[in-house]
Protein backbone atom coordinates (compact mmCIF):
# COMPACT_ATOMS: atom_id res chain seq x y z
CA MET A 1 70.72 152.51 41.41
CA ALA A 2 72.87 149.99 43.32
CA THR A 3 75.75 151.37 45.33
CA ARG A 4 79.22 149.91 44.86
CA LYS A 5 81.28 148.84 47.82
CA SER A 6 84.66 150.45 48.24
CA ALA A 7 87.70 148.25 47.63
CA ALA A 8 88.44 148.24 51.38
CA ARG A 9 84.90 147.03 52.15
CA LEU A 10 85.07 144.39 49.40
CA LEU A 11 88.14 142.93 51.10
CA ILE A 12 86.38 142.29 54.44
CA GLY A 13 85.59 138.60 54.82
CA THR A 14 87.13 135.18 54.33
CA TRP A 15 88.98 134.11 51.17
CA ARG A 16 90.57 130.86 49.96
CA SER A 17 93.31 130.40 47.40
CA ASP A 18 91.71 129.38 44.08
CA ARG A 19 93.95 126.48 43.03
CA LYS A 20 92.34 125.75 39.67
CA ARG A 21 92.35 129.33 38.47
CA THR A 22 95.87 130.06 39.76
CA ILE A 23 97.38 126.99 38.09
CA SER A 24 95.55 127.61 34.81
CA GLN A 25 97.07 131.08 34.49
CA TRP A 26 100.51 130.42 36.00
CA VAL A 27 103.52 131.01 33.75
CA TRP A 28 105.72 127.91 34.05
CA PRO A 29 109.43 127.75 33.12
CA LYS A 30 109.89 125.73 29.93
CA ARG A 31 112.37 123.29 31.49
CA LEU A 32 110.51 122.59 34.75
CA ALA A 33 110.34 118.86 35.45
CA GLY A 34 106.82 117.40 35.71
CA ARG A 35 107.39 116.16 39.26
CA ARG A 36 108.59 119.59 40.45
CA ARG A 37 105.58 121.23 38.80
CA LYS A 38 103.15 118.89 40.61
CA GLU A 39 104.88 119.61 43.93
CA PHE A 40 104.59 123.33 43.30
CA GLU A 41 100.93 123.09 42.20
CA ALA A 42 100.10 121.31 45.47
CA ILE A 43 100.79 124.55 47.37
CA PHE A 44 97.78 126.36 45.88
CA GLY A 45 94.24 126.04 47.23
CA LYS A 46 95.34 125.56 50.84
CA MET A 47 95.69 129.12 52.08
CA GLN A 48 92.74 130.79 53.73
CA VAL A 49 92.81 134.47 54.67
CA ARG A 50 90.36 136.61 56.59
CA TYR A 51 90.29 140.39 56.71
CA THR A 52 88.60 142.59 59.27
CA LYS A 53 88.77 146.40 59.11
CA SER A 54 92.27 146.44 60.58
CA ARG A 55 93.58 142.89 60.91
CA HIS A 56 94.59 140.04 58.59
CA TYR A 57 94.40 136.35 59.62
CA SER A 58 95.99 133.52 57.60
CA LYS A 59 95.85 129.71 57.74
CA PHE A 60 98.13 127.43 55.72
CA ASP A 61 99.08 123.78 56.32
CA GLY A 62 97.94 123.81 59.95
CA ARG A 63 99.75 127.05 60.79
CA THR A 64 97.97 130.30 61.59
CA TRP A 65 99.18 133.86 61.96
CA SER A 66 97.77 137.36 61.99
CA SER A 67 98.96 140.93 61.71
CA PRO A 68 97.53 144.41 61.68
CA TYR A 69 97.29 146.16 58.32
CA ARG A 70 96.22 149.46 56.88
CA VAL A 71 95.18 150.61 53.44
CA LEU A 72 97.93 152.73 51.89
CA TRP A 73 96.18 153.35 48.60
CA SER A 74 92.97 152.36 46.87
CA ARG A 75 91.49 152.90 43.46
CA GLU A 76 87.79 152.40 43.23
CA GLY A 77 87.71 152.45 39.42
CA PRO A 78 84.56 151.69 37.46
CA ILE A 79 85.56 148.09 36.74
CA PHE A 80 88.47 146.71 38.79
CA PRO A 81 89.01 148.11 42.29
CA GLN A 82 92.55 147.85 43.68
CA LEU A 83 94.21 148.20 47.08
CA VAL A 84 97.71 148.45 48.43
CA LEU A 85 97.92 147.16 51.99
CA LEU A 86 100.74 147.67 54.47
CA PHE A 87 101.24 144.81 56.94
CA LYS A 88 103.20 145.14 60.18
CA GLY A 89 105.06 142.02 61.27
CA LYS A 90 107.97 140.87 63.40
CA ASP A 91 110.37 141.43 60.51
CA GLY A 92 109.13 144.93 59.65
CA GLU A 93 106.56 146.10 57.15
CA THR A 94 105.52 144.58 53.83
CA ALA A 95 103.16 145.87 51.17
CA GLN A 96 100.74 143.89 49.01
CA HIS A 97 98.87 145.02 45.90
CA ILE A 98 95.43 143.43 45.53
CA PHE A 99 93.41 143.53 42.30
CA PHE A 100 89.68 142.67 42.36
CA ASP A 101 88.30 141.14 39.19
CA SER A 102 84.84 140.65 40.70
CA PRO A 103 83.23 141.26 44.12
CA ASN A 104 84.05 137.62 44.97
CA SER A 105 87.52 137.25 43.48
CA PHE A 106 90.87 138.99 43.73
CA TYR A 107 94.44 138.24 42.79
CA ILE A 108 97.89 139.18 44.00
CA GLN A 109 100.44 139.68 41.26
CA GLY A 110 103.95 138.28 41.67
CA GLY A 111 106.14 138.92 38.65
CA LYS A 112 104.62 137.19 35.61
CA CYS A 113 102.27 135.14 37.79
CA ALA A 114 99.36 135.77 40.13
CA GLU A 115 97.63 133.86 42.90
CA PHE A 116 93.84 134.06 42.79
CA PHE A 117 91.52 134.00 45.80
CA LYS A 118 87.79 133.44 45.94
CA ARG A 119 85.39 134.53 48.65
CA VAL A 120 84.30 131.86 51.11
CA ARG A 121 80.59 132.17 51.73
CA SER A 122 79.42 131.64 55.27
CA ASN A 123 76.89 128.91 55.86
CA THR A 124 74.15 130.94 57.54
CA SER A 125 71.89 127.92 58.07
CA LEU A 126 74.71 126.13 59.90
CA GLU A 127 75.39 129.28 61.97
CA ARG A 128 71.70 129.48 62.96
CA THR A 129 71.78 125.82 64.04
CA ARG A 130 74.85 126.46 66.20
CA GLU A 131 73.11 129.39 67.94
CA ARG A 132 70.32 127.15 69.31
């Protein structure tokens, strides 16, 4: 029988915003101008995040930042694991609720909308070449 990874272990690794999936499920205001929508859609797919056991690293539009975090709550559940993380930053603490919908995909809910992230696979053949 295969063992399931805990939600906290599933999170470890590198993730990229999934532009196509986020936009397809976004709830748009009825009166949003087409140009404004395109500008807003351009935001997605650019963010990359990496989690270690205790630290979060983010990259977006050439900027990078990191902060320590800890798991406040997790639900391993038979189907969809979830986590609530607490981040410590310059401006205090913030919490984030993460929902896994597969071992390689999670989303962060924000009101009626959610941003989806997909796991970035490492290129092990490229890594072996670099080691030589």
